Amino acid sequence: MRLLIALLSGALFGAGLLVSGMTNPAKVQGWLDIFGNWDPTLAFVLGGAIIPMAIAWRVARRMPCSVSGAALPGPAPRHIDRPLVIGSALFGLGWGIAGLCPGPALASLGFGGASIWIFGASMLAGVFLNAALKGKS
């Protein structure tokens, strides 16, 4: 059951990214270009994501576990520290340069060409580098 829920959730998420244009780097870079040729259409995508997520958080507060039976995570830490600021800056820089963040990049692997695969490999290398650095501290 958990795998089926994961499959359906991932397919819905990927379809939403595809239909909204989030898998198109030019569209995303247009959204980020606020001082140039700004494209505000992705604001509707972001707004459309906030509404169901706000509802889901309210519902989740009342549930003892997820639909699949797994434990629900607790609230995220609310303090701002150096790793958060540096990681956010690196994420934003990569997003601005590539025009993709991790979700749309994964959704684009099937049709994005070699550059998407290079982005994905680099992203994966960053994940492993982070794990290795955290293991040493």
N, C-alpha and C. Protein backbone atom coordinates (compact mmCIF):
# COMPACT_ATOMS: atom_id res chain seq x y z
N MET A 1 0.81 -1.19 0.00
CA MET A 1 0.00 0.00 0.00
C MET A 1 0.86 1.26 0.00
N ARG A 2 1.96 1.25 0.79
CA ARG A 2 2.84 2.42 0.85
C ARG A 2 3.45 2.71 -0.50
N LEU A 3 3.84 1.67 -1.23
CA LEU A 3 4.43 1.87 -2.56
C LEU A 3 3.42 2.45 -3.54
N LEU A 4 2.19 1.99 -3.45
CA LEU A 4 1.15 2.51 -4.33
C LEU A 4 0.87 3.99 -4.05
N ILE A 5 0.82 4.35 -2.78
CA ILE A 5 0.61 5.75 -2.41
C ILE A 5 1.79 6.60 -2.89
N ALA A 6 3.01 6.09 -2.73
CA ALA A 6 4.19 6.81 -3.21
C ALA A 6 4.15 6.97 -4.73
N LEU A 7 3.78 5.93 -5.43
CA LEU A 7 3.70 5.99 -6.89
C LEU A 7 2.65 7.01 -7.34
N LEU A 8 1.47 6.95 -6.75
CA LEU A 8 0.42 7.89 -7.13
C LEU A 8 0.78 9.34 -6.77
N SER A 9 1.37 9.53 -5.61
CA SER A 9 1.78 10.88 -5.20
C SER A 9 2.85 11.43 -6.13
N GLY A 10 3.85 10.62 -6.43
CA GLY A 10 4.92 11.04 -7.34
C GLY A 10 4.42 11.33 -8.73
N ALA A 11 3.50 10.50 -9.23
CA ALA A 11 2.94 10.71 -10.57
C ALA A 11 2.13 12.01 -10.61
N LEU A 12 1.36 12.26 -9.56
CA LEU A 12 0.57 13.50 -9.49
C LEU A 12 1.49 14.72 -9.43
N PHE A 13 2.52 14.62 -8.62
CA PHE A 13 3.48 15.72 -8.49
C PHE A 13 4.18 15.98 -9.82
N GLY A 14 4.67 14.92 -10.46
CA GLY A 14 5.36 15.06 -11.75
C GLY A 14 4.45 15.62 -12.82
N ALA A 15 3.21 15.16 -12.86
CA ALA A 15 2.25 15.69 -13.84
C ALA A 15 2.00 17.17 -13.60
N GLY A 16 1.90 17.55 -12.33
CA GLY A 16 1.71 18.97 -12.01
C GLY A 16 2.88 19.81 -12.46
N LEU A 17 4.10 19.31 -12.25
CA LEU A 17 5.29 20.03 -12.70
C LEU A 17 5.31 20.18 -14.21
N LEU A 18 4.95 19.12 -14.90
CA LEU A 18 4.96 19.12 -16.36
C LEU A 18 3.91 20.08 -16.91
N VAL A 19 2.68 19.97 -16.44
CA VAL A 19 1.58 20.80 -16.94
C VAL A 19 1.82 22.28 -16.63
N SER A 20 2.39 22.57 -15.45
CA SER A 20 2.59 23.96 -15.04
C SER A 20 3.75 24.64 -15.74
N GLY A 21 4.62 23.87 -16.37
CA GLY A 21 5.79 24.45 -17.02
C GLY A 21 7.02 24.48 -16.14
N MET A 22 6.93 23.93 -14.94
CA MET A 22 8.07 23.95 -14.02
C MET A 22 9.24 23.10 -14.52
N THR A 23 9.03 22.24 -15.49
CA THR A 23 10.13 21.44 -16.04
C THR A 23 10.82 22.17 -17.19
N ASN A 24 10.38 23.36 -17.51
CA ASN A 24 10.97 24.16 -18.58
C ASN A 24 11.91 25.19 -17.96
N PRO A 25 13.24 25.01 -18.08
CA PRO A 25 14.18 25.94 -17.45
C PRO A 25 13.96 27.40 -17.87
N ALA A 26 13.59 27.64 -19.12
CA ALA A 26 13.37 29.02 -19.57
C ALA A 26 12.21 29.66 -18.82
N LYS A 27 11.18 28.89 -18.55
CA LYS A 27 10.01 29.39 -17.80
C LYS A 27 10.41 29.73 -16.36
N VAL A 28 11.18 28.84 -15.76
CA VAL A 28 11.61 29.06 -14.38
C VAL A 28 12.56 30.25 -14.29
N GLN A 29 13.50 30.37 -15.24
CA GLN A 29 14.41 31.50 -15.23
C GLN A 29 13.65 32.81 -15.46
N GLY A 30 12.58 32.77 -16.26
CA GLY A 30 11.73 33.94 -16.44
C GLY A 30 11.06 34.36 -15.15
N TRP A 31 10.68 33.39 -14.33
CA TRP A 31 10.07 33.67 -13.02
C TRP A 31 11.10 34.32 -12.10
N LEU A 32 12.35 33.86 -12.17
CA LEU A 32 13.39 34.37 -11.28
C LEU A 32 13.96 35.72 -11.74
N ASP A 33 13.72 36.11 -12.97
CA ASP A 33 14.27 37.35 -13.55
C ASP A 33 13.38 38.54 -13.19
N ILE A 34 13.33 38.90 -11.92
CA ILE A 34 12.40 39.94 -11.48
C ILE A 34 12.80 41.34 -11.94
N PHE A 35 14.06 41.56 -12.29
CA PHE A 35 14.50 42.88 -12.74
C PHE A 35 14.62 42.97 -14.26
N GLY A 36 14.26 41.91 -14.95
CA GLY A 36 14.35 41.90 -16.40
C GLY A 36 13.00 41.59 -17.02
N ASN A 37 12.94 40.53 -17.79
CA ASN A 37 11.71 40.12 -18.46
C ASN A 37 10.97 39.12 -17.57
N TRP A 38 10.39 39.62 -16.49
CA TRP A 38 9.79 38.77 -15.46
C TRP A 38 8.52 38.10 -15.98
N ASP A 39 8.40 36.80 -15.70
CA ASP A 39 7.21 36.02 -16.06
C ASP A 39 6.51 35.61 -14.76
N PRO A 40 5.41 36.27 -14.40
CA PRO A 40 4.76 36.01 -13.11
C PRO A 40 3.86 34.77 -13.08
N THR A 41 3.77 34.02 -14.17
CA THR A 41 2.79 32.94 -14.23
C THR A 41 3.05 31.82 -13.23
N LEU A 42 4.30 31.61 -12.84
CA LEU A 42 4.56 30.55 -11.87
C LEU A 42 4.08 30.90 -10.48
N ALA A 43 3.70 32.15 -10.25
CA ALA A 43 3.10 32.52 -8.97
C ALA A 43 1.81 31.74 -8.75
N PHE A 44 1.10 31.46 -9.83
CA PHE A 44 -0.13 30.67 -9.70
C PHE A 44 0.19 29.22 -9.31
N VAL A 45 1.31 28.71 -9.80
CA VAL A 45 1.74 27.36 -9.42
C VAL A 45 2.07 27.34 -7.93
N LEU A 46 2.83 28.33 -7.48
CA LEU A 46 3.20 28.39 -6.07
C LEU A 46 1.96 28.58 -5.19
N GLY A 47 1.06 29.46 -5.60
CA GLY A 47 -0.17 29.66 -4.85
C GLY A 47 -1.02 28.41 -4.83
N GLY A 48 -1.05 27.73 -5.96
CA GLY A 48 -1.82 26.48 -6.05
C GLY A 48 -1.23 25.38 -5.19
N ALA A 49 0.06 25.47 -4.88
CA ALA A 49 0.69 24.48 -4.01
C ALA A 49 0.47 24.81 -2.54
N ILE A 50 0.42 26.08 -2.21
CA ILE A 50 0.28 26.49 -0.82
C ILE A 50 -1.10 26.13 -0.26
N ILE A 51 -2.13 26.30 -1.05
CA ILE A 51 -3.49 26.06 -0.56
C ILE A 51 -3.70 24.60 -0.13
N PRO A 52 -3.44 23.60 -0.99
CA PRO A 52 -3.66 22.22 -0.52
C PRO A 52 -2.69 21.81 0.58
N MET A 53 -1.48 22.39 0.59
CA MET A 53 -0.53 22.04 1.64
C MET A 53 -0.98 22.58 2.99
N ALA A 54 -1.54 23.78 3.00
CA ALA A 54 -2.07 24.34 4.25
C ALA A 54 -3.19 23.47 4.80
N ILE A 55 -4.03 22.99 3.91
CA ILE A 55 -5.12 22.09 4.33
C ILE A 55 -4.54 20.78 4.86
N ALA A 56 -3.55 20.25 4.15
CA ALA A 56 -2.93 18.98 4.58
C ALA A 56 -2.29 19.11 5.96
N TRP A 57 -1.63 20.23 6.24
CA TRP A 57 -1.02 20.43 7.56
C TRP A 57 -2.08 20.44 8.66
N ARG A 58 -3.20 21.09 8.39
CA ARG A 58 -4.28 21.13 9.39
C ARG A 58 -4.83 19.73 9.65
N VAL A 59 -5.03 18.98 8.58
CA VAL A 59 -5.56 17.61 8.73
C VAL A 59 -4.53 16.73 9.43
N ALA A 60 -3.26 16.87 9.06
CA ALA A 60 -2.20 16.02 9.62
C ALA A 60 -2.06 16.22 11.13
N ARG A 61 -2.31 17.42 11.61
CA ARG A 61 -2.21 17.66 13.06
C ARG A 61 -3.15 16.78 13.87
N ARG A 62 -4.24 16.39 13.25
CA ARG A 62 -5.25 15.58 13.95
C ARG A 62 -5.07 14.08 13.72
N MET A 63 -4.14 13.70 12.88
CA MET A 63 -3.97 12.27 12.54
C MET A 63 -2.84 11.66 13.37
N PRO A 64 -3.03 10.45 13.88
CA PRO A 64 -1.97 9.80 14.65
C PRO A 64 -0.83 9.29 13.76
N CYS A 65 -1.14 8.98 12.48
CA CYS A 65 -0.13 8.51 11.54
C CYS A 65 -0.59 8.84 10.13
N SER A 66 0.29 8.62 9.15
CA SER A 66 -0.06 8.91 7.76
C SER A 66 -1.05 7.88 7.23
N VAL A 67 -1.58 8.13 6.04
CA VAL A 67 -2.52 7.21 5.41
C VAL A 67 -1.89 5.84 5.22
N SER A 68 -0.59 5.82 4.97
CA SER A 68 0.11 4.54 4.75
C SER A 68 0.48 3.85 6.06
N GLY A 69 0.27 4.52 7.18
CA GLY A 69 0.60 3.92 8.48
C GLY A 69 1.93 4.36 9.04
N ALA A 70 2.69 5.13 8.26
CA ALA A 70 4.00 5.59 8.73
C ALA A 70 3.82 6.74 9.72
N ALA A 71 4.82 6.92 10.56
CA ALA A 71 4.78 8.02 11.52
C ALA A 71 4.92 9.34 10.79
N LEU A 72 4.20 10.34 11.25
CA LEU A 72 4.31 11.67 10.66
C LEU A 72 5.48 12.41 11.30
N PRO A 73 6.24 13.16 10.51
CA PRO A 73 7.38 13.89 11.08
C PRO A 73 6.90 15.03 11.96
N GLY A 74 7.71 15.39 12.92
CA GLY A 74 7.39 16.52 13.78
C GLY A 74 7.67 17.82 13.05
N PRO A 75 7.41 18.93 13.70
CA PRO A 75 7.67 20.22 13.07
C PRO A 75 9.16 20.42 12.82
N ALA A 76 9.46 21.12 11.75
CA ALA A 76 10.85 21.43 11.40
C ALA A 76 11.41 22.43 12.40
N PRO A 77 12.73 22.39 12.61
CA PRO A 77 13.33 23.39 13.51
C PRO A 77 13.08 24.80 12.96
N ARG A 78 12.88 25.74 13.86
CA ARG A 78 12.55 27.11 13.44
C ARG A 78 13.73 28.07 13.57
N HIS A 79 14.88 27.59 14.01
CA HIS A 79 16.01 28.50 14.16
C HIS A 79 16.79 28.62 12.84
N ILE A 80 17.35 29.79 12.64
CA ILE A 80 18.13 30.06 11.44
C ILE A 80 19.60 30.01 11.84
N ASP A 81 20.33 29.08 11.22
CA ASP A 81 21.74 28.94 11.53
C ASP A 81 22.58 29.06 10.26
N ARG A 82 23.87 29.00 10.43
CA ARG A 82 24.80 29.17 9.29
C ARG A 82 24.58 28.13 8.19
N PRO A 83 24.47 26.82 8.50
CA PRO A 83 24.25 25.85 7.43
C PRO A 83 22.96 26.11 6.64
N LEU A 84 21.90 26.58 7.31
CA LEU A 84 20.65 26.89 6.62
C LEU A 84 20.84 28.04 5.63
N VAL A 85 21.51 29.09 6.07
CA VAL A 85 21.73 30.26 5.22
C VAL A 85 22.63 29.90 4.03
N ILE A 86 23.71 29.20 4.28
CA ILE A 86 24.63 28.82 3.20
C ILE A 86 23.95 27.85 2.23
N GLY A 87 23.25 26.86 2.77
CA GLY A 87 22.55 25.90 1.91
C GLY A 87 21.47 26.57 1.08
N SER A 88 20.74 27.51 1.67
CA SER A 88 19.71 28.24 0.93
C SER A 88 20.31 29.06 -0.20
N ALA A 89 21.43 29.70 0.09
CA ALA A 89 22.10 30.51 -0.94
C ALA A 89 22.60 29.63 -2.08
N LEU A 90 23.20 28.49 -1.75
CA LEU A 90 23.68 27.58 -2.80
C LEU A 90 22.52 27.02 -3.61
N PHE A 91 21.44 26.66 -2.94
CA PHE A 91 20.26 26.14 -3.64
C PHE A 91 19.72 27.20 -4.60
N GLY A 92 19.56 28.42 -4.11
CA GLY A 92 19.04 29.51 -4.95
C GLY A 92 19.95 29.82 -6.11
N LEU A 93 21.24 29.80 -5.88
CA LEU A 93 22.20 30.05 -6.94
C LEU A 93 22.10 28.98 -8.02
N GLY A 94 22.06 27.73 -7.60
CA GLY A 94 21.92 26.63 -8.56
C GLY A 94 20.60 26.68 -9.30
N TRP A 95 19.53 27.05 -8.60
CA TRP A 95 18.21 27.16 -9.22
C TRP A 95 18.21 28.25 -10.27
N GLY A 96 18.83 29.39 -9.93
CA GLY A 96 18.88 30.51 -10.87
C GLY A 96 19.73 30.21 -12.09
N ILE A 97 20.84 29.53 -11.90
CA ILE A 97 21.73 29.21 -13.03
C ILE A 97 21.11 28.16 -13.93
N ALA A 98 20.63 27.08 -13.33
CA ALA A 98 20.10 25.96 -14.13
C ALA A 98 18.65 26.16 -14.54
N GLY A 99 17.91 26.92 -13.76
CA GLY A 99 16.48 27.08 -14.03
C GLY A 99 15.67 25.88 -13.58
N LEU A 100 16.26 25.04 -12.77
CA LEU A 100 15.56 23.85 -12.27
C LEU A 100 15.90 23.65 -10.80
N CYS A 101 14.94 23.16 -10.05
CA CYS A 101 15.21 22.69 -8.70
C CYS A 101 15.04 21.17 -8.73
N PRO A 102 15.34 20.46 -7.66
CA PRO A 102 15.40 19.00 -7.72
C PRO A 102 14.15 18.30 -8.25
N GLY A 103 12.97 18.69 -7.83
CA GLY A 103 11.75 18.02 -8.29
C GLY A 103 11.57 18.10 -9.80
N PRO A 104 11.56 19.32 -10.36
CA PRO A 104 11.44 19.43 -11.81
C PRO A 104 12.59 18.77 -12.57
N ALA A 105 13.79 18.79 -11.99
CA ALA A 105 14.92 18.13 -12.66
C ALA A 105 14.67 16.64 -12.79
N LEU A 106 14.19 16.01 -11.73
CA LEU A 106 13.88 14.58 -11.80
C LEU A 106 12.75 14.31 -12.78
N ALA A 107 11.76 15.19 -12.79
CA ALA A 107 10.64 15.02 -13.73
C ALA A 107 11.09 15.20 -15.17
N SER A 108 12.18 15.93 -15.39
CA SER A 108 12.67 16.21 -16.75
C SER A 108 13.66 15.18 -17.27
N LEU A 109 14.06 14.22 -16.46
CA LEU A 109 15.09 13.26 -16.88
C LEU A 109 14.72 12.51 -18.17
N GLY A 110 13.46 12.23 -18.35
CA GLY A 110 13.04 11.44 -19.51
C GLY A 110 13.07 12.19 -20.83
N PHE A 111 13.03 13.51 -20.79
CA PHE A 111 12.95 14.25 -22.05
C PHE A 111 13.87 15.46 -22.11
N GLY A 112 14.67 15.68 -21.08
CA GLY A 112 15.46 16.91 -21.00
C GLY A 112 16.80 16.88 -21.68
N GLY A 113 17.26 15.73 -22.12
CA GLY A 113 18.55 15.66 -22.79
C GLY A 113 19.71 15.52 -21.82
N ALA A 114 20.91 15.62 -22.37
CA ALA A 114 22.13 15.38 -21.60
C ALA A 114 22.32 16.39 -20.48
N SER A 115 21.94 17.64 -20.69
CA SER A 115 22.17 18.65 -19.66
C SER A 115 21.39 18.34 -18.39
N ILE A 116 20.20 17.78 -18.52
CA ILE A 116 19.41 17.41 -17.34
C ILE A 116 20.08 16.26 -16.61
N TRP A 117 20.64 15.30 -17.35
CA TRP A 117 21.33 14.18 -16.72
C TRP A 117 22.59 14.65 -16.00
N ILE A 118 23.30 15.62 -16.57
CA ILE A 118 24.47 16.18 -15.90
C ILE A 118 24.05 16.91 -14.62
N PHE A 119 22.95 17.67 -14.71
CA PHE A 119 22.41 18.35 -13.53
C PHE A 119 22.05 17.32 -12.46
N GLY A 120 21.36 16.26 -12.86
CA GLY A 120 20.96 15.21 -11.92
C GLY A 120 22.15 14.53 -11.27
N ALA A 121 23.18 14.24 -12.07
CA ALA A 121 24.39 13.61 -11.52
C ALA A 121 25.09 14.55 -10.55
N SER A 122 25.12 15.83 -10.87
CA SER A 122 25.73 16.81 -9.97
C SER A 122 24.94 16.94 -8.68
N MET A 123 23.62 16.92 -8.81
CA MET A 123 22.76 16.98 -7.64
C MET A 123 23.00 15.76 -6.74
N LEU A 124 23.09 14.60 -7.35
CA LEU A 124 23.34 13.38 -6.59
C LEU A 124 24.71 13.41 -5.92
N ALA A 125 25.71 13.94 -6.62
CA ALA A 125 27.04 14.08 -6.03
C ALA A 125 26.98 15.00 -4.81
N GLY A 126 26.20 16.07 -4.91
CA GLY A 126 26.04 16.98 -3.78
C GLY A 126 25.39 16.31 -2.59
N VAL A 127 24.41 15.45 -2.85
CA VAL A 127 23.75 14.71 -1.77
C VAL A 127 24.76 13.81 -1.06
N PHE A 128 25.58 13.09 -1.83
CA PHE A 128 26.58 12.20 -1.22
C PHE A 128 27.68 12.99 -0.51
N LEU A 129 28.06 14.13 -1.08
CA LEU A 129 29.06 14.97 -0.43
C LEU A 129 28.53 15.49 0.90
N ASN A 130 27.29 15.91 0.92
CA ASN A 130 26.67 16.37 2.16
C ASN A 130 26.66 15.27 3.21
N ALA A 131 26.28 14.06 2.79
CA ALA A 131 26.24 12.94 3.74
C ALA A 131 27.64 12.65 4.27
N ALA A 132 28.64 12.72 3.40
CA ALA A 132 30.01 12.44 3.83
C ALA A 132 30.49 13.52 4.80
N LEU A 133 30.21 14.78 4.51
CA LEU A 133 30.63 15.88 5.40
C LEU A 133 29.90 15.82 6.73
N LYS A 134 28.64 15.50 6.74
CA LYS A 134 27.88 15.40 7.99
C LYS A 134 28.37 14.24 8.82
N GLY A 135 28.82 13.16 8.16
CA GLY A 135 29.33 11.99 8.87
C GLY A 135 30.63 12.28 9.58
N LYS A 136 31.39 13.26 9.06
CA LYS A 136 32.69 13.60 9.65
C LYS A 136 32.59 14.59 10.77
N SER A 137 31.44 15.32 10.89
CA SER A 137 31.35 16.34 11.93
C SER A 137 30.79 15.83 13.21
